[in-house]
């Protein structure tokens, strides 16, 4: 078996995004979960007050 050299971009996995992008995605997912949880907790109040 022979050893081949690959360009740097070929050895890095495609999922390795810059740190700021990973932080942004994680923050967005957290915000989505928090928003959904708040909606679920206040759903009865929303239905009664705003007839949703």
N, C-alpha and C. Protein backbone atom coordinates (compact mmCIF):
# COMPACT_ATOMS: atom_id res chain seq x y z
N UNK A 1 0.84 -1.18 0.00
CA UNK A 1 0.00 0.00 0.00
C UNK A 1 0.89 1.24 0.00
N UNK A 2 0.54 2.21 -0.81
CA UNK A 2 1.36 3.42 -0.90
C UNK A 2 0.69 4.56 -0.15
N UNK A 3 1.50 5.47 0.32
CA UNK A 3 0.99 6.66 1.01
C UNK A 3 0.85 7.79 0.01
N UNK A 4 -0.34 8.34 -0.05
CA UNK A 4 -0.57 9.46 -0.96
C UNK A 4 -0.77 10.73 -0.15
N UNK A 5 -0.28 11.83 -0.68
CA UNK A 5 -0.48 13.10 0.00
C UNK A 5 -1.69 13.78 -0.62
N UNK A 6 -2.53 14.29 0.25
CA UNK A 6 -3.75 14.96 -0.21
C UNK A 6 -3.66 16.44 0.13
N UNK A 7 -4.32 17.28 -0.62
CA UNK A 7 -4.35 18.69 -0.25
C UNK A 7 -5.00 18.86 1.13
N UNK A 8 -4.68 19.93 1.80
CA UNK A 8 -5.20 20.16 3.15
C UNK A 8 -6.73 20.16 3.18
N UNK A 9 -7.36 20.73 2.17
CA UNK A 9 -8.81 20.81 2.16
C UNK A 9 -9.45 19.43 2.01
N UNK A 10 -8.76 18.50 1.40
CA UNK A 10 -9.31 17.16 1.22
C UNK A 10 -9.27 16.35 2.50
N UNK A 11 -8.32 16.67 3.38
CA UNK A 11 -8.22 15.89 4.62
C UNK A 11 -9.19 16.39 5.68
N UNK A 12 -9.58 17.64 5.60
CA UNK A 12 -10.50 18.19 6.60
C UNK A 12 -11.91 17.73 6.28
N UNK A 13 -12.67 17.32 7.28
CA UNK A 13 -14.06 16.93 7.02
C UNK A 13 -14.90 18.12 6.63
N UNK A 14 -15.93 17.86 5.86
CA UNK A 14 -16.79 18.94 5.39
C UNK A 14 -17.58 19.58 6.54
N UNK A 15 -17.72 18.88 7.64
CA UNK A 15 -18.53 19.39 8.74
C UNK A 15 -17.77 20.38 9.61
N UNK A 16 -16.46 20.54 9.38
CA UNK A 16 -15.71 21.47 10.23
C UNK A 16 -15.92 22.89 9.74
N UNK A 17 -16.89 23.55 10.32
CA UNK A 17 -17.18 24.94 9.97
C UNK A 17 -16.38 25.84 10.91
N UNK A 18 -16.20 27.08 10.54
CA UNK A 18 -15.54 27.99 11.45
C UNK A 18 -16.28 28.08 12.79
N UNK A 19 -15.53 28.39 13.82
CA UNK A 19 -16.10 28.39 15.17
C UNK A 19 -17.30 29.32 15.29
N UNK A 20 -17.23 30.48 14.69
CA UNK A 20 -18.32 31.44 14.82
C UNK A 20 -19.61 30.90 14.20
N UNK A 21 -19.49 30.16 13.10
CA UNK A 21 -20.68 29.58 12.47
C UNK A 21 -21.27 28.49 13.34
N UNK A 22 -20.41 27.66 13.95
CA UNK A 22 -20.91 26.61 14.83
C UNK A 22 -21.60 27.21 16.04
N UNK A 23 -21.02 28.27 16.60
CA UNK A 23 -21.65 28.94 17.74
C UNK A 23 -22.99 29.53 17.33
N UNK A 24 -23.05 30.12 16.16
CA UNK A 24 -24.30 30.70 15.68
C UNK A 24 -25.39 29.66 15.50
N UNK A 25 -25.02 28.51 14.93
CA UNK A 25 -26.00 27.45 14.75
C UNK A 25 -26.50 26.91 16.08
N UNK A 26 -25.57 26.72 17.02
CA UNK A 26 -25.96 26.23 18.35
C UNK A 26 -26.87 27.23 19.05
N UNK A 27 -26.55 28.51 18.94
CA UNK A 27 -27.38 29.55 19.57
C UNK A 27 -28.76 29.58 18.93
N UNK A 28 -28.83 29.42 17.61
CA UNK A 28 -30.13 29.43 16.94
C UNK A 28 -30.98 28.24 17.37
N UNK A 29 -30.36 27.05 17.48
CA UNK A 29 -31.10 25.87 17.92
C UNK A 29 -31.60 26.06 19.35
N UNK A 30 -30.75 26.62 20.21
CA UNK A 30 -31.15 26.87 21.59
C UNK A 30 -32.31 27.85 21.65
N UNK A 31 -32.26 28.91 20.86
CA UNK A 31 -33.34 29.89 20.82
C UNK A 31 -34.64 29.24 20.34
N UNK A 32 -34.54 28.38 19.34
CA UNK A 32 -35.74 27.68 18.85
C UNK A 32 -36.36 26.82 19.94
N UNK A 33 -35.51 26.06 20.67
CA UNK A 33 -36.02 25.20 21.73
C UNK A 33 -36.65 26.02 22.85
N UNK A 34 -36.01 27.13 23.22
CA UNK A 34 -36.55 27.96 24.28
C UNK A 34 -37.88 28.58 23.88
N UNK A 35 -37.97 29.02 22.62
CA UNK A 35 -39.21 29.62 22.13
C UNK A 35 -40.33 28.58 22.12
N UNK A 36 -40.02 27.38 21.64
CA UNK A 36 -41.02 26.32 21.59
C UNK A 36 -41.48 25.94 23.00
N UNK A 37 -40.54 25.86 23.94
CA UNK A 37 -40.89 25.51 25.31
C UNK A 37 -41.77 26.59 25.94
N UNK A 38 -41.44 27.85 25.72
CA UNK A 38 -42.25 28.95 26.26
C UNK A 38 -43.65 28.91 25.66
N UNK A 39 -43.74 28.63 24.36
CA UNK A 39 -45.05 28.54 23.73
C UNK A 39 -45.87 27.41 24.34
N UNK A 40 -45.25 26.24 24.54
CA UNK A 40 -45.96 25.12 25.12
C UNK A 40 -46.44 25.43 26.54
N UNK A 41 -45.62 26.14 27.32
CA UNK A 41 -46.00 26.47 28.69
C UNK A 41 -47.14 27.47 28.74
N UNK A 42 -47.19 28.38 27.79
CA UNK A 42 -48.20 29.44 27.81
C UNK A 42 -49.34 29.20 26.83
N UNK A 43 -49.40 28.02 26.26
CA UNK A 43 -50.43 27.73 25.25
C UNK A 43 -51.85 27.90 25.81
N UNK A 44 -52.16 27.37 27.01
CA UNK A 44 -53.53 27.57 27.53
C UNK A 44 -53.89 29.04 27.69
N UNK A 45 -52.95 29.83 28.17
CA UNK A 45 -53.19 31.27 28.34
C UNK A 45 -53.41 31.94 26.99
N UNK A 46 -52.62 31.56 26.00
CA UNK A 46 -52.76 32.15 24.67
C UNK A 46 -54.11 31.79 24.06
N UNK A 47 -54.51 30.54 24.26
CA UNK A 47 -55.80 30.12 23.69
C UNK A 47 -56.96 30.86 24.33
N UNK A 48 -56.91 31.07 25.63
CA UNK A 48 -58.01 31.75 26.31
C UNK A 48 -58.04 33.24 26.01
N UNK A 49 -56.89 33.88 26.01
CA UNK A 49 -56.85 35.33 25.84
C UNK A 49 -56.97 35.77 24.40
N UNK A 50 -56.39 35.02 23.48
CA UNK A 50 -56.35 35.45 22.08
C UNK A 50 -57.13 34.53 21.16
N UNK A 51 -57.82 33.55 21.72
CA UNK A 51 -58.67 32.64 20.92
C UNK A 51 -57.89 31.97 19.79
N UNK A 52 -56.68 31.50 20.09
CA UNK A 52 -55.86 30.81 19.07
C UNK A 52 -56.19 29.33 19.05
